[in-house]
Protein backbone atom coordinates (compact mmCIF):
# COMPACT_ATOMS: atom_id res chain seq x y z
CA MET A 1 -15.90 43.27 -4.30
CA PRO A 2 -16.15 41.44 -7.70
CA ASP A 3 -14.35 38.22 -8.41
CA ARG A 4 -11.01 38.75 -9.75
CA ARG A 5 -9.82 35.41 -9.65
CA LEU A 6 -7.39 34.21 -12.87
CA PRO A 7 -7.44 30.78 -14.10
CA ALA A 8 -5.21 28.58 -12.06
CA PRO A 9 -2.42 27.06 -14.33
CA GLN A 10 -3.18 23.51 -15.00
CA ARG A 11 -0.70 20.94 -13.22
CA LEU A 12 0.92 18.17 -15.12
CA THR A 13 0.27 14.61 -13.89
CA PRO A 14 2.92 14.07 -11.11
CA PRO A 15 5.58 11.84 -12.54
CA VAL A 16 6.06 10.03 -8.75
CA LEU A 17 2.95 10.64 -6.79
CA PHE A 18 0.86 7.86 -6.25
CA PRO A 19 -1.10 6.28 -7.76
CA THR A 20 1.29 5.96 -10.56
CA ILE A 21 3.58 3.28 -12.05
CA ARG A 22 6.44 5.32 -11.29
CA PHE A 23 5.38 5.55 -7.79
CA ALA A 24 4.78 1.82 -7.59
CA MET A 25 8.49 1.43 -8.72
CA PHE A 26 9.55 3.79 -6.25
CA PHE A 27 7.82 2.06 -3.32
CA ALA A 28 9.08 -1.47 -4.38
CA VAL A 29 12.60 -0.28 -3.68
CA VAL A 30 12.01 1.92 -0.42
CA MET A 31 9.82 -0.57 1.38
CA PRO A 32 12.05 -3.44 1.50
CA ALA A 33 14.91 -1.21 1.91
CA SER A 34 13.45 0.35 4.82
CA TRP A 35 12.89 -2.90 6.77
CA LEU A 36 16.35 -4.05 5.88
CA LEU A 37 17.85 -0.94 7.59
CA MET A 38 15.48 -1.25 10.51
CA PRO A 39 17.07 -2.50 13.68
CA ILE A 40 15.45 -5.75 15.06
CA PRO A 41 13.42 -4.73 18.14
CA GLY A 42 15.14 -6.42 21.27
CA ARG A 43 18.62 -6.43 20.23
CA ARG A 44 21.52 -4.74 22.12
CA GLY A 45 21.61 -1.06 21.72
CA GLU A 46 17.87 -0.75 20.81
CA GLY A 47 17.56 2.18 22.89
CA ARG A 48 20.71 4.05 21.95
CA ARG A 49 20.10 7.75 21.04
CA PRO A 50 21.12 8.97 17.65
CA ILE A 51 24.94 10.48 16.93
CA ASP A 52 25.70 13.77 18.25
CA HIS A 53 24.94 16.30 15.46
CA ALA A 54 28.10 18.40 16.29
CA GLN A 55 30.60 15.74 15.39
CA PRO A 56 33.38 17.15 12.96
CA TRP A 57 32.33 15.29 9.83
CA LEU A 58 29.33 17.45 9.76
CA ILE A 59 31.48 20.71 8.54
CA PRO A 60 33.42 18.84 5.59
CA PHE A 61 29.93 17.27 4.35
CA VAL A 62 28.17 20.51 3.98
CA LEU A 63 30.94 22.11 2.26
CA LEU A 64 31.39 19.21 -0.10
CA ALA A 65 27.90 19.28 -0.79
CA ALA A 66 27.75 22.98 -1.68
CA GLY A 67 30.58 22.18 -4.08
CA ALA A 68 28.47 19.45 -5.51
CA LEU A 69 25.69 21.82 -6.06
CA LEU A 70 28.05 24.15 -7.97
CA GLY A 71 29.08 21.73 -10.42
CA PRO A 72 26.78 18.84 -11.73
CA LEU A 73 23.73 21.33 -11.22
CA ALA A 74 24.90 24.34 -12.58
CA PRO A 75 23.55 25.58 -16.07
CA SER A 76 25.56 24.47 -18.94
CA SER A 77 26.39 27.83 -20.07
CA GLY A 78 28.20 31.00 -18.66
CA TRP A 79 30.08 28.73 -15.72
CA PRO A 80 33.96 28.53 -16.05
CA MET A 81 35.28 24.77 -16.88
CA ALA A 82 37.29 24.87 -13.65
CA MET A 83 34.18 25.25 -11.50
CA LYS A 84 32.51 22.39 -13.13
CA VAL A 85 35.61 20.18 -12.56
CA ILE A 86 35.67 21.27 -9.06
CA GLY A 87 31.97 20.63 -8.46
CA TRP A 88 32.16 17.26 -9.99
CA LEU A 89 35.26 16.36 -7.55
CA ALA A 90 33.36 17.74 -4.77
CA ALA A 91 30.03 15.49 -5.77
CA LEU A 92 32.59 12.33 -5.86
CA GLY A 93 34.31 13.37 -2.52
CA LEU A 94 31.00 13.69 -0.93
CA GLY A 95 29.87 10.25 -2.43
CA GLY A 96 32.91 8.70 -0.58
CA LEU A 97 32.24 10.51 2.59
CA ALA A 98 28.77 9.57 2.58
CA VAL A 99 29.60 5.69 2.07
CA GLY A 100 32.38 6.06 4.55
CA ARG A 101 30.32 7.71 7.07
CA TRP A 102 27.27 5.35 6.76
CA ALA A 103 28.98 2.39 7.93
CA ASP A 104 29.45 4.02 11.34
CA LEU A 105 25.71 5.12 11.67
CA GLY A 106 23.98 2.68 14.20
CA GLY A 107 20.46 2.03 15.68
CA LEU A 108 17.41 4.09 13.82
CA THR A 109 19.80 6.96 12.56
CA ARG A 110 20.67 5.01 9.50
CA TRP A 111 16.86 4.40 8.78
CA ASN A 112 16.07 7.85 9.37
CA LEU A 113 18.66 9.19 6.92
CA PHE A 114 17.63 6.71 4.13
CA MET A 115 13.90 7.81 4.70
CA LEU A 116 14.74 11.21 4.53
CA VAL A 117 16.44 11.15 1.30
CA ALA A 118 13.72 9.04 0.07
CA SER A 119 11.01 11.60 0.97
CA TYR A 120 13.04 14.26 -0.70
CA PHE A 121 13.73 12.44 -3.70
CA PHE A 122 9.63 11.80 -3.70
CA TYR A 123 8.95 15.49 -3.31
CA GLY A 124 11.77 16.71 -5.76
CA ALA A 125 10.55 14.39 -8.53
CA TYR A 126 7.41 16.65 -8.69
CA GLN A 127 8.84 20.12 -7.92
CA TRP A 128 12.65 19.80 -7.17
CA GLN A 129 12.96 23.62 -7.03
CA PHE A 130 10.86 23.55 -3.83
CA VAL A 131 13.14 20.94 -1.84
CA ALA A 132 15.20 23.98 -0.47
CA LEU A 133 11.83 25.31 0.87
CA LEU A 134 11.12 22.21 2.61
CA ALA A 135 14.49 21.83 4.07
CA GLY A 136 14.54 25.38 5.06
CA SER A 137 11.14 25.24 6.81
CA THR A 138 12.54 22.36 8.85
CA VAL A 139 15.78 23.97 9.83
CA VAL A 140 13.91 26.97 10.72
CA ASN A 141 11.20 25.55 12.79
CA GLN A 142 13.72 23.35 14.71
CA VAL A 143 15.75 26.34 15.44
CA LEU A 144 12.86 28.17 16.96
CA ALA A 145 11.58 25.04 18.64
CA ASN A 146 14.87 24.58 20.36
CA ALA A 147 14.76 28.49 21.31
CA ILE A 148 11.34 28.00 22.96
CA ASP A 149 12.35 25.11 24.90
CA ARG A 150 15.45 27.20 26.04
CA SER A 151 13.89 30.13 26.88
CA ARG A 152 13.49 30.70 30.74
CA THR A 153 10.81 33.51 30.78
CA GLU A 154 7.22 33.25 29.42
CA ARG A 155 7.86 36.56 27.77
CA ALA A 156 10.66 35.23 25.71
CA ARG A 157 9.12 31.95 24.97
CA ARG A 158 5.84 33.94 23.59
CA LEU A 159 7.93 36.08 21.51
CA VAL A 160 9.79 33.19 19.65
CA LEU A 161 6.33 31.61 19.32
CA ILE A 162 5.12 34.85 17.51
CA VAL A 163 8.28 34.84 15.40
CA ALA A 164 7.54 31.13 14.51
CA VAL A 165 3.93 31.63 13.59
CA ALA A 166 4.74 34.60 11.72
CA ALA A 167 7.29 32.83 9.67
CA ASN A 168 5.19 30.05 8.86
CA LEU A 169 2.26 32.07 7.80
CA GLY A 170 4.13 34.39 6.10
CA VAL A 171 6.01 31.75 3.59
CA LEU A 172 2.48 30.48 3.29
CA ALA A 173 0.87 33.64 2.53
CA TRP A 174 3.59 34.66 -0.01
CA PHE A 175 3.08 31.52 -1.95
CA LYS A 176 -0.49 30.89 -1.84
CA TYR A 177 -2.00 34.26 -1.36
CA LYS A 178 0.31 36.84 -2.75
CA GLY A 179 -1.51 37.09 -6.15
CA PHE A 180 -4.79 36.93 -4.57
CA PHE A 181 -4.30 39.95 -2.26
CA LEU A 182 -2.81 42.08 -5.27
CA GLU A 183 -5.43 41.46 -7.47
CA ASN A 184 -8.15 42.39 -4.80
CA ALA A 185 -5.87 45.55 -3.76
CA SER A 186 -5.71 46.74 -7.38
CA GLY A 187 -9.61 46.23 -7.66
CA GLY A 188 -10.10 48.55 -4.60
CA LEU A 189 -7.64 50.99 -5.86
CA GLU A 190 -9.39 51.23 -9.09
CA HIS A 191 -12.70 52.96 -7.21
CA LEU A 192 -9.93 55.73 -6.21
CA GLY A 193 -8.93 56.24 -9.53
CA LEU A 194 -5.70 54.50 -9.58
CA HIS A 195 -5.33 51.89 -12.03
CA LEU A 196 -2.60 49.05 -11.38
CA THR A 197 -2.14 45.92 -13.35
CA PRO A 198 -1.60 43.04 -10.83
CA PRO A 199 1.00 40.31 -11.74
CA ALA A 200 -0.28 37.05 -13.40
CA ARG A 201 -0.06 34.23 -11.08
CA ALA A 202 2.46 32.52 -12.97
CA ILE A 203 3.90 30.69 -10.15
CA ILE A 204 2.48 27.23 -9.03
CA PRO A 205 2.40 27.13 -5.14
CA PRO A 206 4.63 24.12 -3.81
CA VAL A 207 2.72 21.28 -3.84
CA GLY A 208 1.36 20.27 0.12
CA ILE A 209 2.95 23.73 1.45
CA SER A 210 -0.26 23.83 3.61
CA PHE A 211 0.01 20.40 4.92
CA PHE A 212 3.67 20.59 5.98
CA THR A 213 3.50 24.08 7.26
CA PHE A 214 0.36 23.04 9.47
CA GLN A 215 2.51 20.04 10.87
CA ALA A 216 5.56 22.38 11.50
CA LEU A 217 3.13 24.71 13.13
CA SER A 218 1.74 21.80 15.58
CA TYR A 219 5.56 20.80 16.44
CA VAL A 220 6.67 24.57 17.55
CA ILE A 221 3.09 25.07 19.22
CA ASP A 222 3.23 22.06 21.19
CA THR A 223 6.63 22.80 22.23
CA TYR A 224 5.35 26.22 23.61
CA ARG A 225 2.66 24.31 25.48
CA ARG A 226 5.18 21.91 26.90
CA LYS A 227 3.44 19.09 25.57
CA LEU A 228 6.53 17.83 23.85
CA HIS A 229 10.36 18.64 23.93
CA PRO A 230 12.39 19.36 20.63
CA VAL A 231 13.77 16.16 19.27
CA PRO A 232 16.94 16.03 17.06
CA LEU A 233 17.15 17.58 13.72
CA LEU A 234 17.22 14.34 11.74
CA GLU A 235 14.01 13.10 13.64
CA PHE A 236 11.99 16.33 12.95
CA ALA A 237 13.35 16.36 9.25
CA VAL A 238 11.78 12.84 8.58
CA TYR A 239 8.58 13.80 10.27
CA LEU A 240 7.97 16.91 8.31
CA SER A 241 9.13 15.27 4.98
CA PHE A 242 7.74 11.55 5.41
CA PHE A 243 6.35 11.04 1.85
CA PRO A 244 2.91 9.07 2.70
CA HIS A 245 1.42 12.44 4.29
CA LEU A 246 3.95 14.86 2.88
CA VAL A 247 1.77 16.64 -0.40
CA ALA A 248 -1.87 15.95 0.96
CA GLY A 249 -2.26 14.84 4.35
CA PRO A 250 -3.61 13.41 6.75
CA ILE A 251 -2.22 16.02 8.96
CA VAL A 252 -0.40 13.99 11.62
CA ARG A 253 0.90 15.72 14.54
CA ALA A 254 4.41 15.55 16.10
CA SER A 255 3.02 14.06 19.26
CA GLU A 256 1.30 11.19 17.20
CA PHE A 257 4.27 10.63 14.62
CA LEU A 258 7.52 11.22 16.70
CA PRO A 259 7.00 8.25 19.26
CA GLN A 260 6.77 6.03 16.70
CA LEU A 261 9.73 6.98 15.03
CA ARG A 262 12.12 6.69 18.04
CA LYS A 263 11.51 3.03 18.63
CA PRO A 264 12.50 -0.03 16.18
CA ARG A 265 9.43 -1.30 14.47
CA ASP A 266 8.86 -5.08 13.77
CA ALA A 267 7.94 -6.32 10.21
CA ARG A 268 6.45 -9.25 11.74
CA GLN A 269 3.64 -7.08 13.74
CA ILE A 270 2.67 -5.11 10.65
CA ASP A 271 -1.32 -5.89 9.57
CA THR A 272 -0.43 -6.29 5.98
CA GLY A 273 -4.02 -7.54 5.26
CA LEU A 274 -5.47 -3.87 6.62
CA ALA A 275 -2.50 -2.02 4.65
CA PHE A 276 -3.38 -3.72 1.24
CA TRP A 277 -7.20 -3.35 2.08
CA LEU A 278 -6.98 0.40 2.76
CA ILE A 279 -4.55 0.65 -0.49
CA GLY A 280 -6.94 -1.39 -2.67
CA VAL A 281 -10.33 0.53 -1.58
CA GLY A 282 -8.64 3.84 -1.76
CA LEU A 283 -7.18 3.13 -5.32
CA PHE A 284 -10.78 2.08 -6.49
CA LYS A 285 -12.22 5.20 -5.19
CA LYS A 286 -9.75 7.51 -6.60
CA VAL A 287 -9.16 5.93 -10.14
CA VAL A 288 -12.59 4.73 -10.75
CA VAL A 289 -15.21 6.68 -8.87
CA SER A 290 -13.53 9.90 -8.60
CA SER A 291 -12.18 9.97 -12.35
CA TYR A 292 -15.59 8.45 -13.77
CA LEU A 293 -17.72 11.21 -12.38
CA ALA A 294 -15.36 13.88 -12.75
CA SER A 295 -15.53 13.10 -16.69
CA ALA A 296 -19.01 11.94 -16.76
CA ILE A 297 -20.95 14.81 -15.02
CA VAL A 298 -19.09 17.22 -12.86
CA ASP A 299 -16.58 18.69 -15.35
CA PRO A 300 -19.28 19.38 -17.97
CA VAL A 301 -21.68 20.67 -15.79
CA PHE A 302 -19.24 23.10 -14.23
CA ARG A 303 -17.26 24.11 -17.41
CA ILE A 304 -20.38 25.38 -19.23
CA PRO A 305 -23.25 25.67 -16.97
CA THR A 306 -25.61 27.05 -19.50
CA ASN A 307 -25.46 23.82 -21.46
CA HIS A 308 -27.25 22.12 -18.70
CA GLN A 309 -30.97 21.63 -17.13
CA ALA A 310 -31.76 21.40 -13.52
CA GLY A 311 -31.83 17.48 -13.59
CA ASP A 312 -28.22 17.05 -15.14
CA THR A 313 -26.95 20.15 -12.79
CA LEU A 314 -28.34 18.71 -9.67
CA LEU A 315 -26.64 15.46 -10.61
CA GLY A 316 -23.37 17.38 -11.26
CA ILE A 317 -23.25 18.89 -7.70
CA TYR A 318 -24.14 15.38 -6.31
CA GLY A 319 -21.46 13.82 -8.41
CA TYR A 320 -19.03 16.32 -7.08
CA ALA A 321 -19.79 15.71 -3.42
CA ILE A 322 -18.98 11.85 -4.23
CA GLN A 323 -16.08 12.87 -6.43
CA ILE A 324 -14.33 14.94 -3.74
CA TYR A 325 -15.17 12.19 -0.97
CA CYS A 326 -13.62 9.49 -3.22
CA ASP A 327 -10.82 11.62 -4.19
CA PHE A 328 -9.55 12.84 -0.74
CA SER A 329 -10.53 9.76 1.21
CA GLY A 330 -9.12 7.51 -1.41
CA TYR A 331 -5.82 9.23 -1.07
CA THR A 332 -5.70 9.43 2.54
CA ASP A 333 -6.67 5.66 2.54
CA MET A 334 -3.73 4.75 0.43
CA ALA A 335 -1.36 7.08 2.65
CA ILE A 336 -2.41 5.41 5.98
CA GLY A 337 -2.01 1.91 4.19
CA LEU A 338 1.46 2.83 2.77
CA ALA A 339 2.37 4.07 6.06
CA LEU A 340 1.23 1.09 7.88
CA LEU A 341 3.46 -0.94 5.57
CA LEU A 342 6.48 0.85 6.80
CA GLY A 343 5.50 0.25 10.29
CA PHE A 344 3.53 3.53 11.20
CA ARG A 345 -0.02 4.39 12.05
CA PHE A 346 -1.84 7.30 10.94
CA PRO A 347 -4.93 8.73 12.56
CA GLN A 348 -8.35 8.14 10.54
CA ASN A 349 -9.25 11.08 8.72
CA PHE A 350 -13.11 10.17 7.27
CA ASP A 351 -15.93 8.30 8.94
CA ALA A 352 -18.99 8.23 6.69
CA PRO A 353 -19.31 12.07 6.49
CA TYR A 354 -22.43 12.11 4.68
CA THR A 355 -24.57 10.30 7.22
CA SER A 356 -24.34 13.15 9.53
CA ALA A 357 -27.44 14.87 10.86
CA THR A 358 -25.92 18.31 11.51
CA LEU A 359 -22.98 20.29 10.36
CA GLN A 360 -21.12 20.14 13.34
CA GLU A 361 -21.33 16.21 13.19
CA PHE A 362 -19.92 16.37 9.55
CA TRP A 363 -17.03 18.24 10.70
CA ARG A 364 -16.34 15.51 13.07
CA ARG A 365 -16.46 13.07 10.38
CA TRP A 366 -14.92 14.87 7.30
CA HIS A 367 -11.13 15.58 7.30
CA MET A 368 -11.00 14.96 10.88
CA THR A 369 -7.31 15.82 11.23
CA LEU A 370 -7.77 19.20 9.84
CA SER A 371 -10.98 19.72 11.99
CA ARG A 372 -9.14 18.81 14.97
CA TRP A 373 -6.03 20.82 14.02
CA LEU A 374 -8.53 24.06 13.27
CA ARG A 375 -10.20 23.23 16.89
CA ASP A 376 -6.91 23.08 18.97
CA TYR A 377 -4.79 25.54 17.17
CA LEU A 378 -7.36 28.41 16.00
CA TYR A 379 -10.80 28.01 17.69
CA ILE A 380 -9.55 27.55 21.05
CA PRO A 381 -6.67 30.34 20.97
CA LEU A 382 -9.46 32.70 19.86
CA GLY A 383 -11.13 32.00 23.05
CA GLY A 384 -13.15 29.05 22.11
CA ASN A 385 -16.42 28.94 24.20
CA GLN A 386 -14.84 30.30 27.36
CA ARG A 387 -16.02 34.09 26.81
CA GLY A 388 -19.68 33.46 26.58
CA PRO A 389 -21.90 32.13 23.82
CA ARG A 390 -21.82 35.14 21.67
CA ARG A 391 -18.10 35.27 21.32
CA ALA A 392 -18.18 31.49 20.88
CA LEU A 393 -20.33 31.67 17.85
CA VAL A 394 -18.02 34.62 16.29
CA ASN A 395 -15.00 32.44 17.05
CA MET A 396 -16.77 29.32 15.19
CA PHE A 397 -17.44 31.62 12.08
CA LEU A 398 -13.83 32.92 12.22
CA THR A 399 -12.66 29.51 12.35
CA MET A 400 -14.19 28.25 9.22
CA LEU A 401 -13.78 31.35 7.39
CA ILE A 402 -9.95 30.98 7.85
CA GLY A 403 -10.23 27.20 7.04
CA GLY A 404 -11.99 28.11 3.99
CA LEU A 405 -9.23 30.55 2.85
CA TRP A 406 -6.66 27.95 3.73
CA HIS A 407 -8.14 25.71 1.03
CA GLY A 408 -7.30 28.46 -1.70
CA ALA A 409 -6.84 32.09 -2.51
CA ALA A 410 -10.00 32.82 -3.85
CA TRP A 411 -13.41 34.29 -2.89
CA THR A 412 -15.14 30.98 -3.64
CA PHE A 413 -13.31 29.50 -0.69
CA VAL A 414 -14.08 32.38 1.59
CA VAL A 415 -17.70 32.07 0.75
CA TRP A 416 -17.47 28.48 1.33
CA GLY A 417 -15.92 28.88 4.89
CA ALA A 418 -18.16 31.85 5.55
CA LEU A 419 -21.15 29.45 4.55
CA HIS A 420 -20.13 26.74 6.94
CA GLY A 421 -19.39 28.87 9.72
CA ALA A 422 -22.64 30.78 9.58
CA TRP A 423 -24.62 27.32 9.58
CA LEU A 424 -22.49 25.92 12.47
CA ALA A 425 -23.07 29.02 14.26
CA GLY A 426 -26.84 28.79 13.48
CA GLU A 427 -26.74 25.01 14.94
CA ARG A 428 -25.37 26.22 18.15
CA LEU A 429 -27.66 29.02 18.57
CA TRP A 430 -30.53 26.80 17.76
CA GLN A 431 -29.21 24.14 20.13
CA ASP A 432 -28.87 26.86 22.99
CA ARG A 433 -32.40 27.82 22.25
CA ALA A 434 -33.76 24.30 22.22
CA SER A 435 -32.42 23.65 25.67
CA TRP A 436 -35.49 25.34 27.22
CA MET A 437 -37.98 23.94 24.84
CA PRO A 438 -40.04 20.50 25.03
CA ARG A 439 -37.73 17.68 24.82
CA PRO A 440 -38.78 14.06 24.12
CA THR A 441 -39.44 11.92 27.31
CA ALA A 442 -36.84 9.43 28.53
CA ALA A 443 -39.18 6.75 27.82
CA ALA A 444 -39.57 7.89 24.01
CA VAL A 445 -35.69 7.85 23.69
CA ARG A 446 -35.50 4.32 25.16
CA ALA A 447 -38.24 3.23 22.98
CA GLU A 448 -36.71 4.67 19.72
CA VAL A 449 -33.21 3.52 20.36
CA ALA A 450 -34.12 0.02 21.32
CA ALA A 451 -35.99 -0.08 17.96
CA HIS A 452 -32.99 0.29 16.25
CA ALA A 453 -30.44 -1.44 18.52
CA THR A 454 -29.35 -3.65 15.87
CA ASP A 455 -27.94 -0.61 13.60
CA PRO A 456 -25.28 1.26 15.66
CA HIS A 457 -24.95 4.25 13.47
CA VAL A 458 -28.90 4.89 13.79
CA GLY A 459 -28.95 3.87 17.39
CA ALA A 460 -26.21 6.54 18.20
CA ASP A 461 -27.55 9.14 15.81
CA LEU A 462 -30.96 8.88 17.45
CA GLN A 463 -29.68 9.83 20.87
CA VAL A 464 -28.00 12.87 19.41
CA SER A 465 -30.78 14.02 17.15
CA MET A 466 -33.40 13.52 20.02
CA GLY A 467 -31.34 15.30 22.80
CA GLN A 468 -28.68 17.41 20.72
CA ALA A 469 -25.97 15.66 22.63
CA ALA A 470 -25.97 12.03 23.92
CA THR A 471 -24.19 13.37 27.06
CA GLU A 472 -27.15 15.63 27.63
CA ILE A 473 -29.80 12.84 28.25
CA ASP A 474 -29.11 10.92 31.50
CA LEU A 475 -31.55 8.04 30.85
CA GLU A 476 -30.73 6.15 33.90
CA ASP A 477 -31.46 9.48 36.10
CA VAL A 478 -35.09 9.91 35.10
CA HIS A 479 -37.63 7.54 36.78
CA PRO A 480 -40.11 5.45 34.35
CA HIS A 481 -43.07 6.72 36.10
CA GLU A 482 -41.89 10.31 35.58
CA ALA A 483 -41.33 9.64 32.11
CA GLU A 484 -44.78 8.07 31.58
CA ALA A 485 -46.46 11.14 33.34
CA ALA A 486 -44.91 13.61 30.98
CA PRO A 487 -47.65 15.54 29.35
CA ALA A 488 -48.22 14.86 25.69
CA ALA A 489 -47.30 18.32 24.61
CA ALA A 490 -43.52 17.24 25.40
CA VAL A 491 -43.77 14.48 22.53
CA PRO A 492 -42.44 15.82 19.16
CA ARG A 493 -44.56 15.92 16.32
CA LEU A 494 -41.97 14.23 14.17
CA SER A 495 -40.91 11.01 15.06
CA PRO A 496 -37.29 10.77 16.04
CA THR A 497 -36.48 8.58 12.91
CA ALA A 498 -38.01 11.17 10.70
CA ARG A 499 -36.11 14.07 12.59
CA LEU A 500 -32.91 11.94 12.14
CA TRP A 501 -33.39 11.54 8.34
CA LEU A 502 -34.69 15.01 7.85
CA GLY A 503 -31.21 16.11 9.71
CA ARG A 504 -29.42 14.06 7.15
CA LEU A 505 -31.04 15.23 4.26
CA LEU A 506 -30.75 19.01 5.32
CA THR A 507 -27.10 18.80 6.07
CA PHE A 508 -26.18 16.92 2.94
CA HIS A 509 -27.69 19.38 0.92
CA VAL A 510 -26.12 22.24 2.97
CA VAL A 511 -22.71 20.74 2.12
CA CYS A 512 -23.81 20.20 -1.45
CA LEU A 513 -24.34 24.07 -1.81
CA GLY A 514 -20.97 24.68 -0.36
CA TRP A 515 -19.25 22.12 -2.60
CA VAL A 516 -20.55 24.64 -5.61
CA PHE A 517 -18.46 27.40 -4.29
CA PHE A 518 -15.63 25.01 -3.51
CA ARG A 519 -15.62 23.57 -7.08
CA ALA A 520 -16.44 26.55 -9.40
CA PRO A 521 -13.52 28.81 -10.60
CA SER A 522 -15.16 31.84 -9.66
CA LEU A 523 -18.18 33.47 -7.86
CA THR A 524 -19.70 34.21 -10.94
CA ALA A 525 -19.47 30.71 -12.11
CA ALA A 526 -20.83 29.39 -9.08
CA PHE A 527 -23.90 31.60 -9.41
CA ALA A 528 -24.50 30.55 -12.86
CA VAL A 529 -24.47 26.52 -11.86
CA LEU A 530 -26.90 27.40 -9.13
CA ALA A 531 -29.04 29.57 -11.36
CA ARG A 532 -29.54 26.55 -13.62
CA LEU A 533 -31.48 24.80 -10.84
CA VAL A 534 -34.70 26.60 -11.76
CA HIS A 535 -34.39 25.48 -15.67
CA ILE A 536 -36.75 22.18 -15.23
CA GLY A 537 -35.42 19.46 -17.48
CA THR A 538 -33.27 16.72 -17.37
CA GLY A 539 -30.48 17.33 -20.22
CA THR A 540 -27.90 14.98 -21.70
CA GLY A 541 -25.74 14.44 -18.57
CA VAL A 542 -28.57 12.18 -16.73
CA ASN A 543 -27.98 8.48 -17.41
CA LEU A 544 -28.59 5.41 -15.45
CA VAL A 545 -24.68 4.75 -14.85
CA VAL A 546 -24.08 8.16 -13.36
CA VAL A 547 -27.27 7.93 -11.36
CA GLY A 548 -26.54 4.50 -9.98
CA THR A 549 -23.08 5.33 -9.26
CA ILE A 550 -23.76 8.27 -7.06
CA ALA A 551 -26.68 6.44 -5.22
CA LEU A 552 -24.33 3.32 -4.64
CA PHE A 553 -21.63 5.37 -2.93
CA ILE A 554 -24.19 7.32 -0.87
CA ALA A 555 -25.78 4.21 0.13
CA THR A 556 -22.17 2.74 1.22
CA GLN A 557 -22.07 5.60 3.76
CA PHE A 558 -24.61 3.88 5.91
CA VAL A 559 -23.19 0.33 5.77
CA PRO A 560 -22.48 -0.59 9.45
CA SER A 561 -18.72 0.13 10.40
CA ASP A 562 -18.64 -3.15 12.26
CA ALA A 563 -19.87 -5.18 9.23
CA VAL A 564 -16.79 -3.62 7.21
CA GLY A 565 -14.61 -4.35 9.99
CA ARG A 566 -15.58 -7.95 10.06
CA LEU A 567 -14.85 -8.09 6.37
CA GLN A 568 -11.40 -6.70 6.48
CA ALA A 569 -10.71 -8.83 9.53
CA ALA A 570 -11.59 -11.88 7.31
CA PHE A 571 -9.33 -10.41 4.80
CA SER A 572 -6.30 -10.14 7.13
CA ARG A 573 -6.78 -13.66 8.32
CA CYS A 574 -6.22 -15.02 4.69
CA ASN A 575 -2.94 -16.68 4.13
CA VAL A 576 -0.50 -14.62 1.94
CA TRP A 577 -1.51 -16.69 -1.44
CA GLN A 578 -5.11 -15.82 -0.90
CA GLN A 579 -4.44 -12.09 -0.15
CA GLY A 580 -2.27 -11.84 -3.18
CA ALA A 581 -4.72 -13.64 -5.70
CA THR A 582 -7.30 -11.30 -4.22
CA ILE A 583 -5.19 -8.10 -4.70
CA ALA A 584 -4.16 -9.11 -8.12
CA VAL A 585 -8.07 -9.78 -9.02
CA TRP A 586 -9.03 -6.36 -7.38
CA ILE A 587 -6.20 -4.47 -9.44
CA THR A 588 -7.16 -5.99 -12.56
CA PHE A 589 -10.88 -5.10 -11.88
CA THR A 590 -9.70 -1.62 -11.05
CA SER A 591 -7.64 -0.95 -14.05
CA ALA A 592 -10.39 -2.36 -16.20
CA LEU A 593 -12.95 0.09 -15.16
CA SER A 594 -10.49 3.21 -14.82
CA PRO A 595 -10.88 5.77 -17.71
CA THR A 596 -7.70 6.58 -19.80
CA GLY A 597 -5.58 8.96 -17.63
CA VAL A 598 -6.24 9.73 -14.19
CA ALA A 599 -6.46 13.48 -12.87
CA PRO A 600 -4.22 14.65 -10.14
CA PHE A 601 -5.82 14.52 -6.87
CA ILE A 602 -7.82 17.53 -5.99
CA TYR A 603 -6.12 18.36 -2.66
CA PHE A 604 -2.80 18.46 -4.17
CA ASN A 605 -3.55 22.06 -4.98
CA PHE A 606 -4.03 22.80 -1.03
């Protein structure tokens, strides 16, 4: 079926979403207020549970809130003056009630309420019309999670779970996929002689809807699996709307976040050095590297492919691989750093993905929270590898196909997911076939790993590449004399190091091929970009700065993680004045190198 994807409407630069000056002002208010409201750990009443949600003050609070919405937020025309006056009075009453009730709150409840308001303000400053959607998702999923927890029969629990999954995916499909399905349905009906004009995609999907929907699903499904019990509504609302991860991840599960939320945090225990390190590195990756590559090579190549030759087209593809990595990992670095300043630890989301020797390893290093989510809530429910090797290949392909469609409502994302799913299935099939093929001897493995013992990245990857998985090679169970007596035919023709780097090179180019479809606005445009690779030439987009930037950031993937850790630890040990001076110099350096205007984050669209 032809690609009928309409050009997506362009998003305006978010007014509060980071990294902007407005967000800096927002966070400069939220962070100190957050710590002022945080109970000091160890004080009396630390373990007190939140107040009962059924107290009588809740009813007048809701009524006044409804009245307030009818007044100050009502349109300027068509509303009776009396209604506006009542609305303003209700708003004043609501404010008075809120101030009076605030003094009665204790423990963490006051902090939770403040963070909820701050997070809703953060989200509403970009798309205020969808704040109700976020609030509605919170209430519905909380009700369904409580229904699952209280159901006595397995049949009732499963029925409520089906309703919860259908409700969440239904809302996601309505906002993200309605236009896509209607366009393709109309295209199919045209072959039957029925001519229908699909509606234009005028509505921009709510920013971050996929991320908070996935988090809500993890909460409900884990409740069904009895891995957690429903928490009070206020705590769940804070979890779902917490602004550092609200719009673009990482996907933090309820079991990872809620235990941290339910106990007071101590500002003196925060590793501010690590937090500012992550924010500074993420800011540089996004503002400088990602934005520069987008304007210098990526956007021109994908905008008009026919204007470019093989050299600059290939450079544009490589450039996008670095752009999307710096864009997305830069965002998550900042999100993790900001959450850390508020006392929360988020899971790691990237781990040098372009050093991977297989696509399976790539997905253990790229968008790690999404990979684990797809594994635990899609691949395993489909049956995983428990129904035989053939079914495992099908489940793997379907998981990646659905994962591709999750990224966007277009055939380009479907092809991207299918490409990754097919390659992953092919790798699994090759590994299964290779299990009975001649394998390297234990002595060869020992010798090669010992030769690279100083490089933990290479040493670990060599074991994987030589034995398909480190757990499959038990070096201690093989007698040295047996290894030495192995026939020469068992020694691979390529050295383990060569196999490792060949795997890395092949995996990187498979990933880059997928990025072409991920970036292109249509299948036609994607194939037009690929077609330019046979037109030998360099073009005008090739210059030393672009080549150097791409090469440098690919090289940074191979810097040993322990070396980076030592450098970061040294920064954390500096006193506050040294850290402040370093941050000031780094921000000045980043600002000087950044282009005019910073494009919105790529993953805001997902």
